[in-house]
C-alpha atoms as a PDB file:
ATOM      1  CA  UNK A   1      21.687   1.388   8.603  1.00  0.00           C
ATOM      2  CA  UNK A   2      22.965   1.770  12.107  1.00  0.00           C
ATOM      3  CA  UNK A   3      19.984   2.372  14.790  1.00  0.00           C
ATOM      4  CA  UNK A   4      19.766   5.857  15.954  1.00  0.00           C
ATOM      5  CA  UNK A   5      18.304   4.582  19.009  1.00  0.00           C
ATOM      6  CA  UNK A   6      21.507   3.919  20.779  1.00  0.00           C
ATOM      7  CA  UNK A   7      22.939   7.206  19.380  1.00  0.00           C
ATOM      8  CA  UNK A   8      25.072   5.499  16.766  1.00  0.00           C
ATOM      9  CA  UNK A   9      25.214   6.777  13.007  1.00  0.00           C
ATOM     10  CA  UNK A  10      27.447   6.805   9.986  1.00  0.00           C
ATOM     11  CA  UNK A  11      27.712   9.922   7.833  1.00  0.00           C
ATOM     12  CA  UNK A  12      29.368   9.616   4.179  1.00  0.00           C
ATOM     13  CA  UNK A  13      31.328  12.632   3.050  1.00  0.00           C
ATOM     14  CA  UNK A  14      31.933  12.930  -0.660  1.00  0.00           C
ATOM     15  CA  UNK A  15      35.675  13.701  -0.496  1.00  0.00           C
ATOM     16  CA  UNK A  16      39.054  14.371  -2.188  1.00  0.00           C
ATOM     17  CA  UNK A  17      42.409  12.803  -1.027  1.00  0.00           C
ATOM     18  CA  UNK A  18      43.197  16.172   0.656  1.00  0.00           C
ATOM     19  CA  UNK A  19      39.990  16.285   2.527  1.00  0.00           C
ATOM     20  CA  UNK A  20      38.241  18.499   0.506  1.00  0.00           C
ATOM     21  CA  UNK A  21      34.121  18.069   0.285  1.00  0.00           C
ATOM     22  CA  UNK A  22      33.405  17.005  -3.443  1.00  0.00           C
ATOM     23  CA  UNK A  23      30.575  17.000  -5.630  1.00  0.00           C
ATOM     24  CA  UNK A  24      28.552  13.446  -4.971  1.00  0.00           C
ATOM     25  CA  UNK A  25      28.781  12.287  -8.568  1.00  0.00           C
ATOM     26  CA  UNK A  26      32.358  12.986  -9.138  1.00  0.00           C
ATOM     27  CA  UNK A  27      34.077  11.876  -5.924  1.00  0.00           C
ATOM     28  CA  UNK A  28      36.335   8.966  -5.731  1.00  0.00           C
ATOM     29  CA  UNK A  29      36.321   8.469  -2.191  1.00  0.00           C
ATOM     30  CA  UNK A  30      34.043   8.827   0.653  1.00  0.00           C
ATOM     31  CA  UNK A  31      35.050   9.481   4.228  1.00  0.00           C
ATOM     32  CA  UNK A  32      32.712   7.607   6.426  1.00  0.00           C
ATOM     33  CA  UNK A  33      32.422   8.813   9.961  1.00  0.00           C
ATOM     34  CA  UNK A  34      30.943   6.730  12.726  1.00  0.00           C
ATOM     35  CA  UNK A  35      29.670   8.613  15.774  1.00  0.00           C
ATOM     36  CA  UNK A  36      28.070   7.708  18.905  1.00  0.00           C
ATOM     37  CA  UNK A  37      26.869  10.058  21.542  1.00  0.00           C
ATOM     38  CA  UNK A  38      28.346  13.089  20.302  1.00  0.00           C
ATOM     39  CA  UNK A  39      31.718  11.697  19.599  1.00  0.00           C
ATOM     40  CA  UNK A  40      33.609  10.294  16.717  1.00  0.00           C
ATOM     41  CA  UNK A  41      33.947   6.711  17.153  1.00  0.00           C
ATOM     42  CA  UNK A  42      35.961   6.044  13.927  1.00  0.00           C
ATOM     43  CA  UNK A  43      36.735   7.104  10.344  1.00  0.00           C
ATOM     44  CA  UNK A  44      37.327   5.347   7.204  1.00  0.00           C
ATOM     45  CA  UNK A  45      37.924   5.925   3.325  1.00  0.00           C
ATOM     46  CA  UNK A  46      35.785   4.205   1.022  1.00  0.00           C
ATOM     47  CA  UNK A  47      36.493   3.779  -2.827  1.00  0.00           C
ATOM     48  CA  UNK A  48      33.430   3.919  -5.019  1.00  0.00           C
ATOM     49  CA  UNK A  49      32.679   2.715  -8.317  1.00  0.00           C
ATOM     50  CA  UNK A  50      30.317   5.175 -10.076  1.00  0.00           C
ATOM     51  CA  UNK A  51      29.921   2.767 -13.001  1.00  0.00           C
ATOM     52  CA  UNK A  52      26.975   1.113 -11.497  1.00  0.00           C
ATOM     53  CA  UNK A  53      24.737   3.326  -9.427  1.00  0.00           C
ATOM     54  CA  UNK A  54      23.312   0.551  -7.188  1.00  0.00           C
ATOM     55  CA  UNK A  55      27.201  -0.174  -6.199  1.00  0.00           C
ATOM     56  CA  UNK A  56      27.519   3.135  -4.591  1.00  0.00           C
ATOM     57  CA  UNK A  57      24.430   2.819  -2.934  1.00  0.00           C
ATOM     58  CA  UNK A  58      25.142  -0.545  -1.562  1.00  0.00           C
ATOM     59  CA  UNK A  59      28.706   0.699  -0.325  1.00  0.00           C
ATOM     60  CA  UNK A  60      26.991   3.489   1.597  1.00  0.00           C
ATOM     61  CA  UNK A  61      23.715   1.587   2.539  1.00  0.00           C
ATOM     62  CA  UNK A  62      25.100   1.681   6.361  1.00  0.00           C
ATOM     63  CA  UNK A  63      25.168   5.534   6.328  1.00  0.00           C
ATOM     64  CA  UNK A  64      22.358   7.921   7.497  1.00  0.00           C
ATOM     65  CA  UNK A  65      23.544  10.777   5.815  1.00  0.00           C
ATOM     66  CA  UNK A  66      25.443  11.488   2.568  1.00  0.00           C
ATOM     67  CA  UNK A  67      27.321  15.117   2.384  1.00  0.00           C
ATOM     68  CA  UNK A  68      28.396  16.522  -0.660  1.00  0.00           C
ATOM     69  CA  UNK A  69      29.384  20.066  -1.974  1.00  0.00           C
ATOM     70  CA  UNK A  70      26.959  19.419  -5.095  1.00  0.00           C
ATOM     71  CA  UNK A  71      24.622  16.605  -6.321  1.00  0.00           C
ATOM     72  CA  UNK A  72      22.105  16.345  -9.044  1.00  0.00           C
ATOM     73  CA  UNK A  73      18.408  16.017  -8.356  1.00  0.00           C
ATOM     74  CA  UNK A  74      18.333  12.346  -9.438  1.00  0.00           C
ATOM     75  CA  UNK A  75      21.029  11.476  -7.109  1.00  0.00           C
ATOM     76  CA  UNK A  76      19.371  13.464  -4.246  1.00  0.00           C
ATOM     77  CA  UNK A  77      15.838  11.460  -4.883  1.00  0.00           C
ATOM     78  CA  UNK A  78      17.967   8.263  -5.101  1.00  0.00           C
ATOM     79  CA  UNK A  79      19.613   8.745  -1.830  1.00  0.00           C
ATOM     80  CA  UNK A  80      16.074   9.517  -0.261  1.00  0.00           C
ATOM     81  CA  UNK A  81      14.618   6.363  -1.784  1.00  0.00           C
ATOM     82  CA  UNK A  82      17.540   4.580  -0.127  1.00  0.00           C
ATOM     83  CA  UNK A  83      16.678   5.872   3.487  1.00  0.00           C
ATOM     84  CA  UNK A  84      20.123   8.124   3.236  1.00  0.00           C
ATOM     85  CA  UNK A  85      19.590  11.733   3.968  1.00  0.00           C
ATOM     86  CA  UNK A  86      21.403  14.150   1.513  1.00  0.00           C
ATOM     87  CA  UNK A  87      23.047  17.209   2.729  1.00  0.00           C
ATOM     88  CA  UNK A  88      24.550  19.689  -0.089  1.00  0.00           C
ATOM     89  CA  UNK A  89      26.851  22.075   1.894  1.00  0.00           C
ATOM     90  CA  UNK A  90      28.775  25.083   1.351  1.00  0.00           C
ATOM     91  CA  UNK A  91      31.521  23.741   4.020  1.00  0.00           C
ATOM     92  CA  UNK A  92      34.841  23.024   2.447  1.00  0.00           C
ATOM     93  CA  UNK A  93      36.680  20.314   4.289  1.00  0.00           C
ATOM     94  CA  UNK A  94      35.549  16.769   5.937  1.00  0.00           C
ATOM     95  CA  UNK A  95      36.813  18.417   9.398  1.00  0.00           C
ATOM     96  CA  UNK A  96      34.327  21.267   9.392  1.00  0.00           C
ATOM     97  CA  UNK A  97      31.365  19.025   8.218  1.00  0.00           C
ATOM     98  CA  UNK A  98      32.225  16.722  11.126  1.00  0.00           C
ATOM     99  CA  UNK A  99      32.344  19.571  13.559  1.00  0.00           C
ATOM    100  CA  UNK A 100      29.366  20.989  12.087  1.00  0.00           C
ATOM    101  CA  UNK A 101      27.278  17.541  12.645  1.00  0.00           C
ATOM    102  CA  UNK A 102      28.886  17.043  16.179  1.00  0.00           C
ATOM    103  CA  UNK A 103      27.400  20.699  17.291  1.00  0.00           C
ATOM    104  CA  UNK A 104      24.149  19.895  15.362  1.00  0.00           C
ATOM    105  CA  UNK A 105      24.806  22.779  12.727  1.00  0.00           C
ATOM    106  CA  UNK A 106      24.898  20.820   9.728  1.00  0.00           C
ATOM    107  CA  UNK A 107      22.233  21.562   7.184  1.00  0.00           C
ATOM    108  CA  UNK A 108      21.503  21.516   3.660  1.00  0.00           C
ATOM    109  CA  UNK A 109      22.589  24.880   2.263  1.00  0.00           C
ATOM    110  CA  UNK A 110      22.174  24.385  -1.478  1.00  0.00           C
ATOM    111  CA  UNK A 111      19.557  22.730  -3.778  1.00  0.00           C
ATOM    112  CA  UNK A 112      20.159  20.117  -6.095  1.00  0.00           C
ATOM    113  CA  UNK A 113      21.228  20.532  -9.324  1.00  0.00           C
ATOM    114  CA  UNK A 114      17.807  20.221 -11.761  1.00  0.00           C
ATOM    115  CA  UNK A 115      17.464  18.141 -14.768  1.00  0.00           C
ATOM    116  CA  UNK A 116      20.993  16.392 -14.349  1.00  0.00           C
ATOM    117  CA  UNK A 117      21.824  12.604 -13.831  1.00  0.00           C
END
């Protein structure tokens, strides 16, 4: 994971092709946004293979945050165990999420779905 000491961090946003924020478990892509000192440095798209959960966590292990429109309680716990802060949001698109994070307004607005994996 990137050090926050120098102000650099990466955020993974579960997303669709059109930039809509997606549920974590059904996303086929993650938009990775690298930020430093309040600015976006780069963005990239990462495909994910959900056939093996550990592959997903390995693909996101350089990220400090994982943002989605929905996720299960099991996924939420797994992210925390991998030192990734989960954020479940009502924001609809990737650009809104990035703007909220840059303005220090990004927060968890929903609870994980209980009893689902």
